[in-house]
Amino acid sequence: MSKLIAASTIVFLAVISVFSQVSDTASVTYLNYEAFSFEYSLVLPGTPEVIFDAATGDISGWWDHSVSDNPLKLYIEPKPGGGFWEIFDDAGNGVLHATVIYSDRGKVLRFDGPLGLSGRALQMVHTYKFNPVGEDSTEFTVSVHGSGEIEKGVPQIVKNVWHHFIFEQFKPYIEAGKHLEKTETE
């Protein structure tokens, strides 16, 4: 047994010797890791199911940020394992912005992914909650929790972009009834 240990030690030292002689030109950069969260809420006309359906499926009517200049498709598949997809062209090139990890139509949609911050060690979980208000309105709440490689200013940028999506894009889309046209054409 001691011969086996001695032989293993010699092999290990030989491997270390070889690797220590290899030129290593890569440098290590130490990154700042942080966490942040925020939440927005507003009341929209329509039942929770109607607002859920407007916030999922084809979202190109209100989601105006994309990787490509003119995506062929932009949609969220509202089922566990479904994707938040941006498809560039008929060949299927595109981006998976996030993966749906929880879906309960008219109640909750949760997706996990960096959205437009792909390429960083950043984890973001986005949750949509749909709570009934009266007979035909919904409190729509969006919460975002992010952690990882976060440069200074990124949390505020993400918060501002979500404000834009919810209050400047989604709310007018719903109030104008455009989501009802979407249901008729799908």
N, C-alpha and C. Protein backbone atom coordinates (compact mmCIF):
# COMPACT_ATOMS: atom_id res chain seq x y z
N MET A 1 0.81 -1.19 0.00
CA MET A 1 0.00 0.00 0.00
C MET A 1 0.86 1.26 0.00
N SER A 2 1.97 1.23 0.75
CA SER A 2 2.84 2.41 0.81
C SER A 2 3.50 2.67 -0.55
N LYS A 3 3.76 1.59 -1.36
CA LYS A 3 4.32 1.79 -2.70
C LYS A 3 3.30 2.49 -3.59
N LEU A 4 2.01 2.16 -3.43
CA LEU A 4 0.95 2.79 -4.21
C LEU A 4 0.84 4.28 -3.85
N ILE A 5 0.91 4.60 -2.59
CA ILE A 5 0.86 6.00 -2.15
C ILE A 5 2.07 6.76 -2.67
N ALA A 6 3.25 6.14 -2.58
CA ALA A 6 4.47 6.79 -3.07
C ALA A 6 4.38 7.03 -4.57
N ALA A 7 3.87 6.05 -5.33
CA ALA A 7 3.74 6.20 -6.78
C ALA A 7 2.73 7.29 -7.12
N SER A 8 1.63 7.34 -6.39
CA SER A 8 0.60 8.37 -6.62
C SER A 8 1.16 9.75 -6.33
N THR A 9 1.94 9.86 -5.29
CA THR A 9 2.55 11.14 -4.92
C THR A 9 3.51 11.61 -6.01
N ILE A 10 4.31 10.68 -6.55
CA ILE A 10 5.25 11.03 -7.61
C ILE A 10 4.51 11.51 -8.85
N VAL A 11 3.43 10.82 -9.23
CA VAL A 11 2.64 11.21 -10.40
C VAL A 11 2.02 12.59 -10.16
N PHE A 12 1.47 12.82 -8.99
CA PHE A 12 0.86 14.10 -8.65
C PHE A 12 1.87 15.24 -8.74
N LEU A 13 3.06 15.03 -8.18
CA LEU A 13 4.11 16.05 -8.23
C LEU A 13 4.58 16.30 -9.65
N ALA A 14 4.63 15.26 -10.47
CA ALA A 14 5.02 15.42 -11.86
C ALA A 14 3.99 16.26 -12.62
N VAL A 15 2.72 16.01 -12.37
CA VAL A 15 1.65 16.77 -13.03
C VAL A 15 1.72 18.24 -12.60
N ILE A 16 1.91 18.48 -11.32
CA ILE A 16 2.02 19.85 -10.83
C ILE A 16 3.23 20.53 -11.46
N SER A 17 4.33 19.83 -11.59
CA SER A 17 5.54 20.38 -12.18
C SER A 17 5.31 20.80 -13.62
N VAL A 18 4.62 19.96 -14.38
CA VAL A 18 4.33 20.26 -15.78
C VAL A 18 3.45 21.50 -15.87
N PHE A 19 2.35 21.54 -15.07
CA PHE A 19 1.43 22.67 -15.14
C PHE A 19 2.05 23.96 -14.63
N SER A 20 2.97 23.88 -13.71
CA SER A 20 3.59 25.10 -13.19
C SER A 20 4.53 25.72 -14.22
N GLN A 21 4.95 24.93 -15.22
CA GLN A 21 5.84 25.44 -16.25
C GLN A 21 5.08 26.05 -17.42
N VAL A 22 3.75 25.83 -17.49
CA VAL A 22 2.94 26.38 -18.56
C VAL A 22 2.74 27.87 -18.31
N SER A 23 2.96 28.66 -19.32
CA SER A 23 2.81 30.11 -19.21
C SER A 23 1.32 30.45 -19.07
N ASP A 24 0.98 31.15 -18.04
CA ASP A 24 -0.40 31.56 -17.79
C ASP A 24 -0.51 33.06 -18.01
N THR A 25 -1.12 33.45 -19.14
CA THR A 25 -1.23 34.87 -19.45
C THR A 25 -2.58 35.45 -19.04
N ALA A 26 -3.49 34.58 -18.58
CA ALA A 26 -4.81 35.08 -18.16
C ALA A 26 -4.70 35.72 -16.79
N SER A 27 -5.33 36.86 -16.66
CA SER A 27 -5.34 37.52 -15.36
C SER A 27 -6.70 37.30 -14.70
N VAL A 28 -6.72 37.37 -13.41
CA VAL A 28 -7.95 37.21 -12.65
C VAL A 28 -8.46 38.59 -12.27
N THR A 29 -9.72 38.84 -12.56
CA THR A 29 -10.35 40.09 -12.17
C THR A 29 -11.35 39.78 -11.06
N TYR A 30 -11.23 40.45 -9.96
CA TYR A 30 -12.16 40.25 -8.86
C TYR A 30 -13.31 41.23 -9.03
N LEU A 31 -14.52 40.69 -9.05
CA LEU A 31 -15.71 41.48 -9.32
C LEU A 31 -16.48 41.76 -8.04
N ASN A 32 -17.23 42.83 -8.08
CA ASN A 32 -18.08 43.19 -6.96
C ASN A 32 -19.43 42.49 -7.12
N TYR A 33 -19.82 41.75 -6.12
CA TYR A 33 -21.12 41.08 -6.15
C TYR A 33 -22.05 41.77 -5.17
N GLU A 34 -23.25 42.07 -5.65
CA GLU A 34 -24.25 42.80 -4.87
C GLU A 34 -25.61 42.15 -5.09
N ALA A 35 -26.60 42.71 -4.43
CA ALA A 35 -27.98 42.27 -4.61
C ALA A 35 -28.88 43.50 -4.55
N PHE A 36 -30.04 43.42 -5.19
CA PHE A 36 -31.01 44.52 -5.15
C PHE A 36 -32.40 43.95 -5.38
N SER A 37 -33.40 44.74 -5.03
CA SER A 37 -34.79 44.37 -5.33
C SER A 37 -35.63 45.64 -5.38
N PHE A 38 -36.75 45.55 -6.07
CA PHE A 38 -37.73 46.64 -6.11
C PHE A 38 -39.05 46.05 -6.54
N GLU A 39 -40.11 46.85 -6.39
CA GLU A 39 -41.44 46.39 -6.73
C GLU A 39 -42.27 47.56 -7.23
N TYR A 40 -43.06 47.31 -8.27
CA TYR A 40 -44.01 48.29 -8.79
C TYR A 40 -45.40 47.65 -8.77
N SER A 41 -46.40 48.49 -8.57
CA SER A 41 -47.77 47.99 -8.55
C SER A 41 -48.70 49.04 -9.13
N LEU A 42 -49.72 48.60 -9.85
CA LEU A 42 -50.73 49.49 -10.38
C LEU A 42 -52.01 48.71 -10.62
N VAL A 43 -53.12 49.41 -10.70
CA VAL A 43 -54.41 48.77 -10.96
C VAL A 43 -54.76 49.00 -12.43
N LEU A 44 -55.14 47.90 -13.09
CA LEU A 44 -55.48 47.93 -14.51
C LEU A 44 -56.90 47.42 -14.73
N PRO A 45 -57.58 47.92 -15.75
CA PRO A 45 -58.92 47.41 -16.06
C PRO A 45 -58.82 46.03 -16.70
N GLY A 46 -59.59 45.10 -16.16
CA GLY A 46 -59.61 43.73 -16.68
C GLY A 46 -59.41 42.74 -15.56
N THR A 47 -59.91 41.54 -15.77
CA THR A 47 -59.77 40.50 -14.76
C THR A 47 -58.32 40.03 -14.69
N PRO A 48 -57.95 39.38 -13.59
CA PRO A 48 -56.57 38.85 -13.51
C PRO A 48 -56.20 37.94 -14.68
N GLU A 49 -57.14 37.13 -15.16
CA GLU A 49 -56.84 36.24 -16.29
C GLU A 49 -56.58 37.03 -17.57
N VAL A 50 -57.37 38.09 -17.77
CA VAL A 50 -57.20 38.92 -18.97
C VAL A 50 -55.85 39.64 -18.92
N ILE A 51 -55.47 40.18 -17.77
CA ILE A 51 -54.20 40.90 -17.65
C ILE A 51 -53.04 39.92 -17.75
N PHE A 52 -53.18 38.74 -17.15
CA PHE A 52 -52.15 37.69 -17.28
C PHE A 52 -51.92 37.37 -18.75
N ASP A 53 -53.01 37.16 -19.49
CA ASP A 53 -52.89 36.82 -20.91
C ASP A 53 -52.24 37.95 -21.71
N ALA A 54 -52.50 39.19 -21.32
CA ALA A 54 -51.90 40.33 -22.01
C ALA A 54 -50.40 40.43 -21.73
N ALA A 55 -49.99 40.00 -20.53
CA ALA A 55 -48.58 40.08 -20.13
C ALA A 55 -47.76 38.89 -20.62
N THR A 56 -48.42 37.91 -21.21
CA THR A 56 -47.73 36.71 -21.69
C THR A 56 -48.09 36.47 -23.16
N GLY A 57 -47.58 35.37 -23.70
CA GLY A 57 -47.79 35.12 -25.13
C GLY A 57 -46.99 36.15 -25.92
N ASP A 58 -47.57 36.63 -27.00
CA ASP A 58 -46.93 37.65 -27.83
C ASP A 58 -46.93 38.98 -27.08
N ILE A 59 -45.75 39.47 -26.69
CA ILE A 59 -45.66 40.73 -25.95
C ILE A 59 -45.09 41.86 -26.80
N SER A 60 -45.00 41.63 -28.09
CA SER A 60 -44.40 42.64 -28.98
C SER A 60 -45.23 43.92 -29.06
N GLY A 61 -46.47 43.88 -28.65
CA GLY A 61 -47.31 45.08 -28.67
C GLY A 61 -46.95 46.09 -27.60
N TRP A 62 -46.24 45.65 -26.56
CA TRP A 62 -45.89 46.59 -25.49
C TRP A 62 -44.43 46.50 -25.03
N TRP A 63 -43.74 45.44 -25.31
CA TRP A 63 -42.33 45.30 -24.90
C TRP A 63 -41.47 45.87 -26.01
N ASP A 64 -40.79 46.97 -25.73
CA ASP A 64 -40.08 47.67 -26.80
C ASP A 64 -38.56 47.63 -26.70
N HIS A 65 -38.01 46.74 -25.89
CA HIS A 65 -36.56 46.57 -25.83
C HIS A 65 -36.22 45.19 -26.40
N SER A 66 -35.26 45.14 -27.29
CA SER A 66 -34.87 43.86 -27.88
C SER A 66 -33.40 43.90 -28.27
N VAL A 67 -32.85 42.73 -28.47
CA VAL A 67 -31.46 42.61 -28.91
C VAL A 67 -31.36 42.95 -30.39
N SER A 68 -32.29 42.40 -31.17
CA SER A 68 -32.28 42.70 -32.61
C SER A 68 -33.11 43.96 -32.86
N ASP A 69 -32.85 44.60 -33.98
CA ASP A 69 -33.58 45.82 -34.32
C ASP A 69 -35.06 45.55 -34.59
N ASN A 70 -35.35 44.41 -35.17
CA ASN A 70 -36.72 44.08 -35.54
C ASN A 70 -36.95 42.58 -35.34
N PRO A 71 -37.21 42.15 -34.09
CA PRO A 71 -37.36 40.72 -33.87
C PRO A 71 -38.57 40.14 -34.60
N LEU A 72 -38.42 38.92 -35.07
CA LEU A 72 -39.51 38.22 -35.73
C LEU A 72 -40.60 37.90 -34.71
N LYS A 73 -40.18 37.44 -33.52
CA LYS A 73 -41.12 37.10 -32.45
C LYS A 73 -40.55 37.53 -31.11
N LEU A 74 -41.44 37.95 -30.22
CA LEU A 74 -41.07 38.31 -28.85
C LEU A 74 -42.22 37.81 -27.98
N TYR A 75 -41.95 36.77 -27.18
CA TYR A 75 -43.06 36.17 -26.44
C TYR A 75 -42.59 35.44 -25.18
N ILE A 76 -43.56 35.28 -24.28
CA ILE A 76 -43.35 34.54 -23.04
C ILE A 76 -44.29 33.35 -23.04
N GLU A 77 -43.72 32.17 -22.89
CA GLU A 77 -44.51 30.94 -22.77
C GLU A 77 -44.90 30.75 -21.30
N PRO A 78 -46.18 30.96 -20.95
CA PRO A 78 -46.58 30.94 -19.54
C PRO A 78 -46.80 29.53 -18.98
N LYS A 79 -45.70 28.78 -18.90
CA LYS A 79 -45.75 27.44 -18.31
C LYS A 79 -44.38 27.14 -17.72
N PRO A 80 -44.31 26.32 -16.68
CA PRO A 80 -43.01 25.99 -16.10
C PRO A 80 -42.08 25.42 -17.18
N GLY A 81 -40.89 25.99 -17.26
CA GLY A 81 -39.94 25.59 -18.29
C GLY A 81 -40.09 26.36 -19.59
N GLY A 82 -41.14 27.16 -19.69
CA GLY A 82 -41.35 27.98 -20.87
C GLY A 82 -40.30 29.08 -20.94
N GLY A 83 -40.19 29.69 -22.08
CA GLY A 83 -39.17 30.71 -22.26
C GLY A 83 -39.72 32.10 -22.47
N PHE A 84 -38.88 33.07 -22.18
CA PHE A 84 -39.10 34.45 -22.58
C PHE A 84 -38.19 34.61 -23.79
N TRP A 85 -38.75 34.48 -24.97
CA TRP A 85 -37.99 34.35 -26.21
C TRP A 85 -38.00 35.62 -27.04
N GLU A 86 -36.87 35.85 -27.69
CA GLU A 86 -36.77 36.83 -28.76
C GLU A 86 -36.18 36.08 -29.94
N ILE A 87 -36.98 35.88 -30.97
CA ILE A 87 -36.54 35.16 -32.17
C ILE A 87 -36.22 36.20 -33.24
N PHE A 88 -35.00 36.12 -33.76
CA PHE A 88 -34.54 37.13 -34.72
C PHE A 88 -35.08 36.92 -36.13
N ASP A 89 -35.13 35.65 -36.56
CA ASP A 89 -35.41 35.38 -37.97
C ASP A 89 -36.03 34.00 -38.16
N ASP A 90 -36.37 33.68 -39.40
CA ASP A 90 -36.99 32.38 -39.72
C ASP A 90 -36.06 31.20 -39.48
N ALA A 91 -34.75 31.44 -39.40
CA ALA A 91 -33.79 30.36 -39.14
C ALA A 91 -33.80 29.96 -37.66
N GLY A 92 -34.49 30.73 -36.82
CA GLY A 92 -34.57 30.40 -35.40
C GLY A 92 -33.49 31.01 -34.53
N ASN A 93 -32.65 31.88 -35.11
CA ASN A 93 -31.65 32.57 -34.31
C ASN A 93 -32.36 33.46 -33.30
N GLY A 94 -31.76 33.63 -32.13
CA GLY A 94 -32.42 34.47 -31.14
C GLY A 94 -31.81 34.39 -29.76
N VAL A 95 -32.60 34.80 -28.78
CA VAL A 95 -32.16 34.89 -27.40
C VAL A 95 -33.24 34.30 -26.50
N LEU A 96 -32.82 33.51 -25.52
CA LEU A 96 -33.69 33.11 -24.43
C LEU A 96 -33.37 34.07 -23.29
N HIS A 97 -34.22 35.06 -23.07
CA HIS A 97 -33.97 36.09 -22.06
C HIS A 97 -34.17 35.56 -20.65
N ALA A 98 -35.11 34.63 -20.47
CA ALA A 98 -35.42 34.09 -19.15
C ALA A 98 -36.20 32.79 -19.31
N THR A 99 -36.27 32.04 -18.23
CA THR A 99 -37.03 30.79 -18.19
C THR A 99 -38.13 30.92 -17.15
N VAL A 100 -39.34 30.53 -17.53
CA VAL A 100 -40.47 30.57 -16.61
C VAL A 100 -40.29 29.46 -15.58
N ILE A 101 -40.33 29.84 -14.28
CA ILE A 101 -40.15 28.85 -13.22
C ILE A 101 -41.42 28.64 -12.41
N TYR A 102 -42.44 29.48 -12.62
CA TYR A 102 -43.71 29.32 -11.92
C TYR A 102 -44.79 30.01 -12.73
N SER A 103 -45.88 29.33 -12.94
CA SER A 103 -46.98 29.93 -13.68
C SER A 103 -48.30 29.40 -13.15
N ASP A 104 -49.18 30.32 -12.79
CA ASP A 104 -50.53 29.99 -12.37
C ASP A 104 -51.42 31.08 -12.95
N ARG A 105 -52.05 30.77 -14.08
CA ARG A 105 -52.78 31.77 -14.87
C ARG A 105 -53.71 32.62 -14.00
N GLY A 106 -53.56 33.92 -14.15
CA GLY A 106 -54.40 34.86 -13.43
C GLY A 106 -53.94 35.13 -12.00
N LYS A 107 -52.86 34.47 -11.58
CA LYS A 107 -52.38 34.65 -10.21
C LYS A 107 -50.92 35.07 -10.16
N VAL A 108 -50.02 34.23 -10.73
CA VAL A 108 -48.58 34.48 -10.62
C VAL A 108 -47.86 34.00 -11.88
N LEU A 109 -46.88 34.77 -12.29
CA LEU A 109 -45.92 34.34 -13.31
C LEU A 109 -44.55 34.73 -12.79
N ARG A 110 -43.63 33.77 -12.77
CA ARG A 110 -42.26 34.06 -12.31
C ARG A 110 -41.28 33.53 -13.34
N PHE A 111 -40.32 34.37 -13.70
CA PHE A 111 -39.28 33.94 -14.64
C PHE A 111 -37.92 34.36 -14.14
N ASP A 112 -36.94 33.56 -14.50
CA ASP A 112 -35.58 33.68 -13.99
C ASP A 112 -34.63 33.87 -15.17
N GLY A 113 -33.93 34.98 -15.18
CA GLY A 113 -32.99 35.24 -16.26
C GLY A 113 -32.52 36.68 -16.26
N PRO A 114 -31.44 36.95 -16.97
CA PRO A 114 -30.84 38.29 -16.95
C PRO A 114 -31.50 39.30 -17.88
N LEU A 115 -32.47 38.86 -18.68
CA LEU A 115 -33.10 39.71 -19.70
C LEU A 115 -32.02 40.38 -20.54
N GLY A 116 -31.95 41.68 -20.61
CA GLY A 116 -30.98 42.36 -21.46
C GLY A 116 -29.56 42.40 -20.94
N LEU A 117 -29.31 41.80 -19.79
CA LEU A 117 -27.97 41.83 -19.20
C LEU A 117 -27.24 40.50 -19.36
N SER A 118 -27.59 39.76 -20.38
CA SER A 118 -26.95 38.48 -20.66
C SER A 118 -25.45 38.68 -20.86
N GLY A 119 -24.67 37.73 -20.38
CA GLY A 119 -23.23 37.80 -20.52
C GLY A 119 -22.53 38.16 -19.22
N ARG A 120 -23.31 38.49 -18.22
CA ARG A 120 -22.76 38.78 -16.89
C ARG A 120 -23.19 37.66 -15.95
N ALA A 121 -22.47 37.50 -14.86
CA ALA A 121 -22.86 36.54 -13.83
C ALA A 121 -23.92 37.21 -12.97
N LEU A 122 -25.11 37.34 -13.53
CA LEU A 122 -26.20 38.05 -12.88
C LEU A 122 -27.45 37.18 -12.89
N GLN A 123 -28.04 37.02 -11.76
CA GLN A 123 -29.27 36.24 -11.61
C GLN A 123 -30.39 37.21 -11.27
N MET A 124 -31.46 37.19 -12.05
CA MET A 124 -32.62 38.04 -11.73
C MET A 124 -33.89 37.20 -11.79
N VAL A 125 -34.69 37.34 -10.76
CA VAL A 125 -35.98 36.67 -10.70
C VAL A 125 -37.05 37.76 -10.76
N HIS A 126 -37.95 37.62 -11.73
CA HIS A 126 -39.01 38.60 -11.96
C HIS A 126 -40.34 37.91 -11.65
N THR A 127 -41.17 38.57 -10.86
CA THR A 127 -42.47 37.99 -10.50
C THR A 127 -43.58 38.96 -10.85
N TYR A 128 -44.59 38.45 -11.58
CA TYR A 128 -45.81 39.19 -11.84
C TYR A 128 -46.87 38.59 -10.93
N LYS A 129 -47.57 39.43 -10.19
CA LYS A 129 -48.71 38.97 -9.38
C LYS A 129 -49.96 39.69 -9.87
N PHE A 130 -51.05 38.96 -9.90
CA PHE A 130 -52.33 39.47 -10.41
C PHE A 130 -53.38 39.28 -9.32
N ASN A 131 -53.82 40.37 -8.71
CA ASN A 131 -54.82 40.29 -7.64
C ASN A 131 -56.08 41.02 -8.07
N PRO A 132 -57.25 40.37 -7.91
CA PRO A 132 -58.50 41.02 -8.31
C PRO A 132 -58.80 42.25 -7.46
N VAL A 133 -59.32 43.27 -8.12
CA VAL A 133 -59.78 44.49 -7.45
C VAL A 133 -61.19 44.74 -7.98
N GLY A 134 -62.18 44.62 -7.12
CA GLY A 134 -63.56 44.78 -7.57
C GLY A 134 -63.92 43.66 -8.53
N GLU A 135 -64.86 43.97 -9.44
CA GLU A 135 -65.35 42.94 -10.36
C GLU A 135 -64.55 42.82 -11.65
N ASP A 136 -63.91 43.92 -12.08
CA ASP A 136 -63.26 43.87 -13.38
C ASP A 136 -61.97 44.68 -13.42
N SER A 137 -61.19 44.62 -12.36
CA SER A 137 -59.88 45.27 -12.36
C SER A 137 -58.89 44.36 -11.67
N THR A 138 -57.62 44.66 -11.91
CA THR A 138 -56.54 43.82 -11.38
C THR A 138 -55.41 44.68 -10.86
N GLU A 139 -54.96 44.35 -9.67
CA GLU A 139 -53.72 44.95 -9.19
C GLU A 139 -52.59 44.10 -9.76
N PHE A 140 -51.79 44.74 -10.59
CA PHE A 140 -50.67 44.07 -11.26
C PHE A 140 -49.40 44.52 -10.54
N THR A 141 -48.69 43.57 -9.94
CA THR A 141 -47.47 43.87 -9.20
C THR A 141 -46.30 43.16 -9.85
N VAL A 142 -45.24 43.90 -10.07
CA VAL A 142 -44.01 43.34 -10.63
C VAL A 142 -42.91 43.52 -9.60
N SER A 143 -42.29 42.41 -9.20
CA SER A 143 -41.14 42.50 -8.30
C SER A 143 -39.92 41.90 -8.99
N VAL A 144 -38.79 42.51 -8.74
CA VAL A 144 -37.53 42.07 -9.34
C VAL A 144 -36.51 41.92 -8.23
N HIS A 145 -35.84 40.78 -8.22
CA HIS A 145 -34.76 40.51 -7.27
C HIS A 145 -33.54 40.10 -8.08
N GLY A 146 -32.45 40.83 -7.91
CA GLY A 146 -31.24 40.54 -8.67
C GLY A 146 -30.05 40.37 -7.75
N SER A 147 -29.13 39.50 -8.16
CA SER A 147 -27.89 39.35 -7.42
C SER A 147 -26.80 38.88 -8.37
N GLY A 148 -25.57 39.19 -8.01
CA GLY A 148 -24.44 38.75 -8.82
C GLY A 148 -23.52 39.88 -9.17
N GLU A 149 -22.95 39.78 -10.36
CA GLU A 149 -21.99 40.75 -10.87
C GLU A 149 -22.75 42.03 -11.28
N ILE A 150 -22.80 42.97 -10.37
CA ILE A 150 -23.61 44.16 -10.59
C ILE A 150 -22.72 45.40 -10.51
N GLU A 151 -22.58 46.05 -11.64
CA GLU A 151 -21.79 47.28 -11.68
C GLU A 151 -22.59 48.42 -11.07
N LYS A 152 -21.89 49.43 -10.62
CA LYS A 152 -22.53 50.61 -10.02
C LYS A 152 -23.53 51.19 -11.02
N GLY A 153 -24.71 51.49 -10.55
CA GLY A 153 -25.74 52.10 -11.38
C GLY A 153 -26.69 51.11 -12.04
N VAL A 154 -26.31 49.84 -12.13
CA VAL A 154 -27.16 48.85 -12.81
C VAL A 154 -28.51 48.68 -12.13
N PRO A 155 -28.59 48.59 -10.79
CA PRO A 155 -29.91 48.45 -10.18
C PRO A 155 -30.88 49.59 -10.55
N GLN A 156 -30.39 50.81 -10.57
CA GLN A 156 -31.26 51.94 -10.92
C GLN A 156 -31.66 51.87 -12.39
N ILE A 157 -30.77 51.45 -13.26
CA ILE A 157 -31.10 51.31 -14.68
C ILE A 157 -32.19 50.25 -14.86
N VAL A 158 -32.03 49.10 -14.20
CA VAL A 158 -33.03 48.03 -14.30
C VAL A 158 -34.37 48.53 -13.76
N LYS A 159 -34.36 49.24 -12.64
CA LYS A 159 -35.60 49.78 -12.06
C LYS A 159 -36.26 50.77 -13.04
N ASN A 160 -35.47 51.65 -13.65
CA ASN A 160 -36.01 52.62 -14.60
C ASN A 160 -36.61 51.95 -15.83
N VAL A 161 -35.94 50.91 -16.31
CA VAL A 161 -36.45 50.20 -17.50
C VAL A 161 -37.77 49.51 -17.17
N TRP A 162 -37.86 48.88 -15.98
CA TRP A 162 -39.14 48.26 -15.59
C TRP A 162 -40.23 49.31 -15.41
N HIS A 163 -39.90 50.47 -14.89
CA HIS A 163 -40.89 51.55 -14.79
C HIS A 163 -41.41 51.89 -16.18
N HIS A 164 -40.50 52.00 -17.12
CA HIS A 164 -40.87 52.27 -18.51
C HIS A 164 -41.82 51.19 -19.05
N PHE A 165 -41.43 49.92 -18.87
CA PHE A 165 -42.28 48.83 -19.38
C PHE A 165 -43.69 48.87 -18.80
N ILE A 166 -43.78 49.04 -17.50
CA ILE A 166 -45.07 48.93 -16.82
C ILE A 166 -45.95 50.16 -17.02
N PHE A 167 -45.39 51.34 -16.75
CA PHE A 167 -46.20 52.56 -16.75
C PHE A 167 -46.28 53.26 -18.09
N GLU A 168 -45.24 53.13 -18.92
CA GLU A 168 -45.24 53.83 -20.21
C GLU A 168 -45.61 52.92 -21.38
N GLN A 169 -45.53 51.62 -21.19
CA GLN A 169 -45.83 50.69 -22.27
C GLN A 169 -47.05 49.82 -21.97
N PHE A 170 -46.98 49.01 -20.91
CA PHE A 170 -48.04 48.04 -20.61
C PHE A 170 -49.35 48.73 -20.22
N LYS A 171 -49.29 49.71 -19.33
CA LYS A 171 -50.50 50.39 -18.88
C LYS A 171 -51.26 51.02 -20.05
N PRO A 172 -50.61 51.83 -20.91
CA PRO A 172 -51.34 52.40 -22.06
C PRO A 172 -51.85 51.31 -23.02
N TYR A 173 -51.09 50.24 -23.17
CA TYR A 173 -51.49 49.11 -24.02
C TYR A 173 -52.82 48.53 -23.51
N ILE A 174 -52.93 48.34 -22.21
CA ILE A 174 -54.15 47.80 -21.61
C ILE A 174 -55.28 48.82 -21.70
N GLU A 175 -55.01 50.05 -21.29
CA GLU A 175 -56.05 51.09 -21.27
C GLU A 175 -56.61 51.38 -22.66
N ALA A 176 -55.81 51.20 -23.70
CA ALA A 176 -56.28 51.41 -25.08
C ALA A 176 -57.02 50.18 -25.62
N GLY A 177 -57.03 49.09 -24.87
CA GLY A 177 -57.72 47.88 -25.30
C GLY A 177 -56.97 47.06 -26.33
N LYS A 178 -55.70 47.37 -26.55
CA LYS A 178 -54.92 46.64 -27.57
C LYS A 178 -54.75 45.16 -27.22
N HIS A 179 -54.76 44.84 -25.93
CA HIS A 179 -54.64 43.44 -25.51
C HIS A 179 -55.84 42.62 -25.96
N LEU A 180 -57.00 43.27 -26.13
CA LEU A 180 -58.19 42.56 -26.60
C LEU A 180 -58.07 42.21 -28.07
N GLU A 181 -57.40 43.07 -28.85
CA GLU A 181 -57.13 42.78 -30.25
C GLU A 181 -56.18 41.59 -30.37
N LYS A 182 -55.22 41.50 -29.46
CA LYS A 182 -54.25 40.40 -29.44
C LYS A 182 -54.97 39.06 -29.27
N THR A 183 -55.94 39.01 -28.37
CA THR A 183 -56.68 37.79 -28.11
C THR A 183 -57.47 37.35 -29.34
N GLU A 184 -58.02 38.32 -30.07
CA GLU A 184 -58.80 38.00 -31.26
C GLU A 184 -57.94 37.46 -32.40
N THR A 185 -56.67 37.90 -32.50
CA THR A 185 -55.84 37.50 -33.63
C THR A 185 -54.98 36.28 -33.36
N GLU A 186 -54.87 35.86 -32.11
CA GLU A 186 -54.01 34.69 -31.80
C GLU A 186 -54.72 33.39 -32.08
